[in-house]
Structure formats: C-alpha cells, structure tokens
PDB file of all heavy atoms in Angstrom:
ATOM      1  N   ILE A   1      -4.991 124.803-145.129  1.00  0.00           N
ATOM      2  CA  ILE A   1      -5.919 124.543-143.957  1.00  0.00           C
ATOM      3  C   ILE A   1      -5.496 123.388-143.032  1.00  0.00           C
ATOM      4  O   ILE A   1      -5.895 123.245-141.970  1.00  0.00           O
ATOM      5  CB  ILE A   1      -7.306 124.152-144.419  1.00  0.00           C
ATOM      6  CG1 ILE A   1      -7.347 123.017-145.349  1.00  0.00           C
ATOM      7  CG2 ILE A   1      -7.956 125.420-145.145  1.00  0.00           C
ATOM      8  CD1 ILE A   1      -8.681 122.438-145.620  1.00  0.00           C
ATOM      9  N   LEU A   2      -4.391 122.649-143.503  1.00  0.00           N
ATOM     10  CA  LEU A   2      -3.865 121.576-142.643  1.00  0.00           C
ATOM     11  C   LEU A   2      -2.698 122.084-141.769  1.00  0.00           C
ATOM     12  O   LEU A   2      -2.212 121.379-140.879  1.00  0.00           O
ATOM     13  CB  LEU A   2      -3.497 120.311-143.450  1.00  0.00           C
ATOM     14  CG  LEU A   2      -4.616 119.652-144.109  1.00  0.00           C
ATOM     15  CD1 LEU A   2      -4.094 118.417-145.052  1.00  0.00           C
ATOM     16  CD2 LEU A   2      -5.750 119.256-143.192  1.00  0.00           C
ATOM     17  N   ARG A   3      -2.204 123.305-142.062  1.00  0.00           N
ATOM     18  CA  ARG A   3      -1.098 123.861-141.330  1.00  0.00           C
ATOM     19  C   ARG A   3      -1.654 124.318-139.915  1.00  0.00           C
ATOM     20  O   ARG A   3      -2.716 124.853-139.850  1.00  0.00           O
ATOM     21  CB  ARG A   3      -0.487 125.054-142.148  1.00  0.00           C
ATOM     22  CG  ARG A   3       0.884 125.327-141.771  1.00  0.00           C
ATOM     23  CD  ARG A   3       1.482 126.270-142.711  1.00  0.00           C
ATOM     24  NE  ARG A   3       1.852 127.521-142.033  1.00  0.00           N
ATOM     25  CZ  ARG A   3       1.744 128.743-142.382  1.00  0.00           C
ATOM     26  NH1 ARG A   3       1.353 128.882-143.713  1.00  0.00           N
ATOM     27  NH2 ARG A   3       2.026 129.712-141.702  1.00  0.00           N
ATOM     28  N   ALA A   4      -0.786 124.314-138.963  1.00  0.00           N
ATOM     29  CA  ALA A   4      -1.280 124.788-137.682  1.00  0.00           C
ATOM     30  C   ALA A   4      -1.230 126.243-137.738  1.00  0.00           C
ATOM     31  O   ALA A   4      -0.299 126.963-137.934  1.00  0.00           O
ATOM     32  CB  ALA A   4      -0.257 124.387-136.584  1.00  0.00           C
ATOM     33  N   MET A   5      -2.512 126.789-137.495  1.00  0.00           N
ATOM     34  CA  MET A   5      -2.762 128.341-137.580  1.00  0.00           C
ATOM     35  C   MET A   5      -3.540 128.536-136.241  1.00  0.00           C
ATOM     36  O   MET A   5      -4.063 127.742-135.545  1.00  0.00           O
ATOM     37  CB  MET A   5      -3.572 128.619-138.671  1.00  0.00           C
ATOM     38  CG  MET A   5      -2.991 128.231-140.092  1.00  0.00           C
ATOM     39  SD  MET A   5      -1.616 129.326-140.534  1.00  0.00           S
ATOM     40  CE  MET A   5      -2.350 130.920-140.771  1.00  0.00           C
ATOM     41  N   ARG A   6      -3.479 129.904-136.022  1.00  0.00           N
ATOM     42  CA  ARG A   6      -4.219 130.436-134.848  1.00  0.00           C
ATOM     43  C   ARG A   6      -5.553 131.004-135.428  1.00  0.00           C
ATOM     44  O   ARG A   6      -5.529 131.783-136.337  1.00  0.00           O
ATOM     45  CB  ARG A   6      -3.488 131.415-134.052  1.00  0.00           C
ATOM     46  CG  ARG A   6      -4.262 131.978-132.895  1.00  0.00           C
ATOM     47  CD  ARG A   6      -3.415 133.056-132.117  1.00  0.00           C
ATOM     48  NE  ARG A   6      -2.588 132.220-131.188  1.00  0.00           N
ATOM     49  CZ  ARG A   6      -1.923 132.797-130.216  1.00  0.00           C
ATOM     50  NH1 ARG A   6      -1.942 134.099-130.042  1.00  0.00           N
ATOM     51  NH2 ARG A   6      -1.247 132.013-129.359  1.00  0.00           N
ATOM     52  N   TRP A   7      -6.807 130.788-134.706  1.00  0.00           N
ATOM     53  CA  TRP A   7      -7.950 131.162-135.197  1.00  0.00           C
ATOM     54  C   TRP A   7      -8.802 131.799-134.046  1.00  0.00           C
ATOM     55  O   TRP A   7      -8.641 131.393-132.981  1.00  0.00           O
ATOM     56  CB  TRP A   7      -8.806 130.107-135.762  1.00  0.00           C
ATOM     57  CG  TRP A   7      -8.152 129.225-136.691  1.00  0.00           C
ATOM     58  CD1 TRP A   7      -7.276 128.233-136.603  1.00  0.00           C
ATOM     59  CD2 TRP A   7      -8.254 129.498-138.281  1.00  0.00           C
ATOM     60  NE1 TRP A   7      -6.910 127.652-137.859  1.00  0.00           N
ATOM     61  CE2 TRP A   7      -7.386 128.452-138.862  1.00  0.00           C
ATOM     62  CE3 TRP A   7      -8.904 130.319-139.034  1.00  0.00           C
ATOM     63  CZ2 TRP A   7      -7.289 128.408-140.161  1.00  0.00           C
ATOM     64  CZ3 TRP A   7      -8.877 130.162-140.408  1.00  0.00           C
ATOM     65  CH2 TRP A   7      -8.069 129.265-140.857  1.00  0.00           C
ATOM     66  N   HIS A   8      -9.445 132.854-134.345  1.00  0.00           N
ATOM     67  CA  HIS A   8     -10.623 133.354-133.355  1.00  0.00           C
ATOM     68  C   HIS A   8     -11.790 132.693-133.806  1.00  0.00           C
ATOM     69  O   HIS A   8     -12.212 132.678-135.031  1.00  0.00           O
ATOM     70  CB  HIS A   8     -10.682 134.821-133.404  1.00  0.00           C
ATOM     71  CG  HIS A   8      -9.546 135.540-132.839  1.00  0.00           C
ATOM     72  ND1 HIS A   8      -9.413 136.952-132.848  1.00  0.00           N
ATOM     73  CD2 HIS A   8      -8.537 135.171-132.102  1.00  0.00           C
ATOM     74  CE1 HIS A   8      -8.299 137.288-132.266  1.00  0.00           C
ATOM     75  NE2 HIS A   8      -7.783 136.214-131.799  1.00  0.00           N
ATOM     76  N   VAL A   9     -12.446 131.999-132.764  1.00  0.00           N
ATOM     77  CA  VAL A   9     -13.798 131.335-133.126  1.00  0.00           C
ATOM     78  C   VAL A   9     -14.865 132.103-132.350  1.00  0.00           C
ATOM     79  O   VAL A   9     -14.796 132.364-131.139  1.00  0.00           O
ATOM     80  CB  VAL A   9     -13.690 129.887-132.543  1.00  0.00           C
ATOM     81  CG1 VAL A   9     -14.909 129.119-132.932  1.00  0.00           C
ATOM     82  CG2 VAL A   9     -12.439 129.194-133.059  1.00  0.00           C
ATOM     83  N   LEU A  10     -15.844 132.606-133.134  1.00  0.00           N
ATOM     84  CA  LEU A  10     -16.929 133.320-132.556  1.00  0.00           C
ATOM     85  C   LEU A  10     -18.031 132.332-132.245  1.00  0.00           C
ATOM     86  O   LEU A  10     -18.557 131.665-133.092  1.00  0.00           O
ATOM     87  CB  LEU A  10     -17.406 134.413-133.546  1.00  0.00           C
ATOM     88  CG  LEU A  10     -18.628 135.272-133.022  1.00  0.00           C
ATOM     89  CD1 LEU A  10     -18.298 135.966-131.767  1.00  0.00           C
ATOM     90  CD2 LEU A  10     -19.000 136.225-134.111  1.00  0.00           C
ATOM     91  N   LEU A  11     -18.494 132.337-130.893  1.00  0.00           N
ATOM     92  CA  LEU A  11     -19.637 131.485-130.549  1.00  0.00           C
ATOM     93  C   LEU A  11     -20.809 132.347-130.148  1.00  0.00           C
ATOM     94  O   LEU A  11     -20.675 133.507-129.644  1.00  0.00           O
ATOM     95  CB  LEU A  11     -19.276 130.634-129.308  1.00  0.00           C
ATOM     96  CG  LEU A  11     -18.017 129.768-129.422  1.00  0.00           C
ATOM     97  CD1 LEU A  11     -17.949 129.016-128.100  1.00  0.00           C
ATOM     98  CD2 LEU A  11     -18.218 128.711-130.527  1.00  0.00           C
ATOM     99  N   ARG A  12     -22.073 131.853-130.343  1.00  0.00           N
ATOM    100  CA  ARG A  12     -23.254 132.540-129.803  1.00  0.00           C
ATOM    101  C   ARG A  12     -23.964 131.534-129.002  1.00  0.00           C
ATOM    102  O   ARG A  12     -24.211 130.363-129.296  1.00  0.00           O
ATOM    103  CB  ARG A  12     -24.258 133.046-130.805  1.00  0.00           C
ATOM    104  CG  ARG A  12     -25.527 133.719-130.289  1.00  0.00           C
ATOM    105  CD  ARG A  12     -26.398 134.165-131.288  1.00  0.00           C
ATOM    106  NE  ARG A  12     -26.758 133.252-132.302  1.00  0.00           N
ATOM    107  CZ  ARG A  12     -26.881 133.441-133.571  1.00  0.00           C
ATOM    108  NH1 ARG A  12     -26.739 134.730-134.053  1.00  0.00           N
ATOM    109  NH2 ARG A  12     -27.119 132.522-134.477  1.00  0.00           N
ATOM    110  N   TRP A  13     -24.073 131.743-127.651  1.00  0.00           N
ATOM    111  CA  TRP A  13     -24.681 130.803-126.637  1.00  0.00           C
ATOM    112  C   TRP A  13     -26.204 130.973-126.656  1.00  0.00           C
ATOM    113  O   TRP A  13     -26.745 131.955-127.251  1.00  0.00           O
ATOM    114  CB  TRP A  13     -24.172 131.245-125.289  1.00  0.00           C
ATOM    115  CG  TRP A  13     -22.648 131.019-125.224  1.00  0.00           C
ATOM    116  CD1 TRP A  13     -21.624 131.859-125.395  1.00  0.00           C
ATOM    117  CD2 TRP A  13     -21.996 129.843-124.781  1.00  0.00           C
ATOM    118  NE1 TRP A  13     -20.452 131.284-125.099  1.00  0.00           N
ATOM    119  CE2 TRP A  13     -20.711 129.985-124.844  1.00  0.00           C
ATOM    120  CE3 TRP A  13     -22.518 128.491-124.393  1.00  0.00           C
ATOM    121  CZ2 TRP A  13     -19.805 129.001-124.519  1.00  0.00           C
ATOM    122  CZ3 TRP A  13     -21.557 127.511-124.275  1.00  0.00           C
ATOM    123  CH2 TRP A  13     -20.227 127.788-124.228  1.00  0.00           C
ATOM    124  N   GLU A  14     -26.831 129.960-126.227  1.00  0.00           N
ATOM    125  CA  GLU A  14     -28.246 129.878-126.201  1.00  0.00           C
ATOM    126  C   GLU A  14     -28.979 131.050-125.580  1.00  0.00           C
ATOM    127  O   GLU A  14     -29.988 131.515-125.999  1.00  0.00           O
ATOM    128  CB  GLU A  14     -28.748 128.491-125.624  1.00  0.00           C
ATOM    129  CG  GLU A  14     -30.155 128.228-125.718  1.00  0.00           C
ATOM    130  CD  GLU A  14     -30.544 126.858-125.115  1.00  0.00           C
ATOM    131  OE1 GLU A  14     -29.709 126.327-124.219  1.00  0.00           O
ATOM    132  OE2 GLU A  14     -31.514 126.336-125.499  1.00  0.00           O
ATOM    133  N   ASP A  15     -28.138 131.589-124.535  1.00  0.00           N
ATOM    134  CA  ASP A  15     -28.787 132.748-123.869  1.00  0.00           C
ATOM    135  C   ASP A  15     -28.441 134.145-124.532  1.00  0.00           C
ATOM    136  O   ASP A  15     -28.869 135.074-124.105  1.00  0.00           O
ATOM    137  CB  ASP A  15     -28.266 132.739-122.463  1.00  0.00           C
ATOM    138  CG  ASP A  15     -26.813 132.974-122.308  1.00  0.00           C
ATOM    139  OD1 ASP A  15     -26.073 133.074-123.289  1.00  0.00           O
ATOM    140  OD2 ASP A  15     -26.256 133.056-121.167  1.00  0.00           O
ATOM    141  N   GLY A  16     -27.905 134.040-125.780  1.00  0.00           N
ATOM    142  CA  GLY A  16     -27.630 135.239-126.485  1.00  0.00           C
ATOM    143  C   GLY A  16     -26.200 135.739-126.349  1.00  0.00           C
ATOM    144  O   GLY A  16     -25.763 136.640-127.114  1.00  0.00           O
ATOM    145  N   HIS A  17     -25.470 135.249-125.380  1.00  0.00           N
ATOM    146  CA  HIS A  17     -24.169 135.854-125.098  1.00  0.00           C
ATOM    147  C   HIS A  17     -23.272 135.381-126.166  1.00  0.00           C
ATOM    148  O   HIS A  17     -23.377 134.299-126.698  1.00  0.00           O
ATOM    149  CB  HIS A  17     -23.583 135.270-123.743  1.00  0.00           C
ATOM    150  CG  HIS A  17     -22.298 135.678-123.369  1.00  0.00           C
ATOM    151  ND1 HIS A  17     -21.985 136.889-122.837  1.00  0.00           N
ATOM    152  CD2 HIS A  17     -21.063 135.030-123.513  1.00  0.00           C
ATOM    153  CE1 HIS A  17     -20.688 136.918-122.638  1.00  0.00           C
ATOM    154  NE2 HIS A  17     -20.036 135.920-123.078  1.00  0.00           N
ATOM    155  N   ARG A  18     -22.288 136.188-126.553  1.00  0.00           N
ATOM    156  CA  ARG A  18     -21.282 135.765-127.532  1.00  0.00           C
ATOM    157  C   ARG A  18     -19.887 135.818-126.937  1.00  0.00           C
ATOM    158  O   ARG A  18     -19.543 136.544-126.081  1.00  0.00           O
ATOM    159  CB  ARG A  18     -21.288 136.888-128.657  1.00  0.00           C
ATOM    160  CG  ARG A  18     -22.425 136.861-129.446  1.00  0.00           C
ATOM    161  CD  ARG A  18     -22.367 137.701-130.706  1.00  0.00           C
ATOM    162  NE  ARG A  18     -23.703 137.682-131.449  1.00  0.00           N
ATOM    163  CZ  ARG A  18     -23.733 137.678-132.671  1.00  0.00           C
ATOM    164  NH1 ARG A  18     -22.660 137.741-133.445  1.00  0.00           N
ATOM    165  NH2 ARG A  18     -24.931 137.485-133.296  1.00  0.00           N
ATOM    166  N   SER A  19     -19.075 134.763-127.326  1.00  0.00           N
ATOM    167  CA  SER A  19     -17.821 134.582-126.901  1.00  0.00           C
ATOM    168  C   SER A  19     -16.855 134.470-128.044  1.00  0.00           C
ATOM    169  O   SER A  19     -17.128 133.897-129.009  1.00  0.00           O
ATOM    170  CB  SER A  19     -17.533 133.331-126.034  1.00  0.00           C
ATOM    171  OG  SER A  19     -18.441 133.389-124.916  1.00  0.00           O
ATOM    172  N   THR A  20     -15.573 134.904-127.826  1.00  0.00           N
ATOM    173  CA  THR A  20     -14.536 134.567-128.848  1.00  0.00           C
ATOM    174  C   THR A  20     -13.530 133.763-128.173  1.00  0.00           C
ATOM    175  O   THR A  20     -12.992 134.173-127.123  1.00  0.00           O
ATOM    176  CB  THR A  20     -13.839 135.995-129.370  1.00  0.00           C
ATOM    177  OG1 THR A  20     -14.935 136.737-129.908  1.00  0.00           O
ATOM    178  CG2 THR A  20     -12.759 135.650-130.312  1.00  0.00           C
ATOM    179  N   LEU A  21     -13.173 132.668-128.833  1.00  0.00           N
ATOM    180  CA  LEU A  21     -12.188 131.662-128.285  1.00  0.00           C
ATOM    181  C   LEU A  21     -10.957 131.647-129.214  1.00  0.00           C
ATOM    182  O   LEU A  21     -11.067 132.047-130.340  1.00  0.00           O
ATOM    183  CB  LEU A  21     -12.742 130.313-128.150  1.00  0.00           C
ATOM    184  CG  LEU A  21     -14.192 130.098-127.537  1.00  0.00           C
ATOM    185  CD1 LEU A  21     -14.531 128.652-127.693  1.00  0.00           C
ATOM    186  CD2 LEU A  21     -14.024 130.379-126.084  1.00  0.00           C
ATOM    187  N   VAL A  22      -9.961 131.172-128.737  1.00  0.00           N
ATOM    188  CA  VAL A  22      -8.656 131.100-129.474  1.00  0.00           C
ATOM    189  C   VAL A  22      -8.511 129.578-129.850  1.00  0.00           C
ATOM    190  O   VAL A  22      -8.307 128.898-128.771  1.00  0.00           O
ATOM    191  CB  VAL A  22      -7.409 131.715-128.868  1.00  0.00           C
ATOM    192  CG1 VAL A  22      -6.209 131.488-129.682  1.00  0.00           C
ATOM    193  CG2 VAL A  22      -7.723 133.219-128.714  1.00  0.00           C
ATOM    194  N   TYR A  23      -8.445 129.255-131.035  1.00  0.00           N
ATOM    195  CA  TYR A  23      -8.169 127.826-131.354  1.00  0.00           C
ATOM    196  C   TYR A  23      -6.805 127.718-132.122  1.00  0.00           C
ATOM    197  O   TYR A  23      -6.694 128.519-133.075  1.00  0.00           O
ATOM    198  CB  TYR A  23      -9.325 127.204-132.301  1.00  0.00           C
ATOM    199  CG  TYR A  23      -8.903 125.954-133.015  1.00  0.00           C
ATOM    200  CD1 TYR A  23      -8.702 124.794-132.338  1.00  0.00           C
ATOM    201  CD2 TYR A  23      -8.735 125.965-134.390  1.00  0.00           C
ATOM    202  CE1 TYR A  23      -8.372 123.655-132.867  1.00  0.00           C
ATOM    203  CE2 TYR A  23      -8.381 124.821-135.010  1.00  0.00           C
ATOM    204  CZ  TYR A  23      -8.190 123.632-134.333  1.00  0.00           C
ATOM    205  OH  TYR A  23      -7.847 122.514-134.963  1.00  0.00           O
ATOM    206  N   GLU A  24      -5.988 126.854-131.712  1.00  0.00           N
ATOM    207  CA  GLU A  24      -4.749 126.691-132.510  1.00  0.00           C
ATOM    208  C   GLU A  24      -4.628 125.325-133.106  1.00  0.00           C
ATOM    209  O   GLU A  24      -4.699 124.323-132.455  1.00  0.00           O
ATOM    210  CB  GLU A  24      -3.571 126.875-131.496  1.00  0.00           C
ATOM    211  CG  GLU A  24      -3.439 128.374-130.938  1.00  0.00           C
ATOM    212  CD  GLU A  24      -2.252 128.525-129.965  1.00  0.00           C
ATOM    213  OE1 GLU A  24      -1.652 127.462-129.650  1.00  0.00           O
ATOM    214  OE2 GLU A  24      -2.119 129.688-129.560  1.00  0.00           O
ATOM    215  N   GLY A  25      -4.443 125.261-134.453  1.00  0.00           N
ATOM    216  CA  GLY A  25      -4.445 124.005-135.088  1.00  0.00           C
ATOM    217  C   GLY A  25      -4.883 124.125-136.538  1.00  0.00           C
ATOM    218  O   GLY A  25      -5.358 125.179-136.984  1.00  0.00           O
ATOM    219  N   PRO A  26      -5.040 122.946-137.157  1.00  0.00           N
ATOM    220  CA  PRO A  26      -5.391 122.931-138.582  1.00  0.00           C
ATOM    221  C   PRO A  26      -7.005 123.004-138.629  1.00  0.00           C
ATOM    222  O   PRO A  26      -7.571 122.509-137.646  1.00  0.00           O
ATOM    223  CB  PRO A  26      -4.881 121.656-139.160  1.00  0.00           C
ATOM    224  CG  PRO A  26      -4.742 120.769-137.829  1.00  0.00           C
ATOM    225  CD  PRO A  26      -4.485 121.753-136.842  1.00  0.00           C
TER     226      PRO A  26
END
C-alpha cells in the first residue's frame, strides 16, 4: 500500500451524481 499505484476512486456527490477519478500514489 505504500508503493505508488494507480487507483480509480469512485465518488458520490451530494446531488447524486457519481464520478470516477484517477489517483496515483500510495
């Protein structure tokens, strides 16, 4: 988990919209 990896991060916004972001890091 401390190695730099690429992750898709799923968010749900207060208005119900969902977004997928790309996070790179540990």
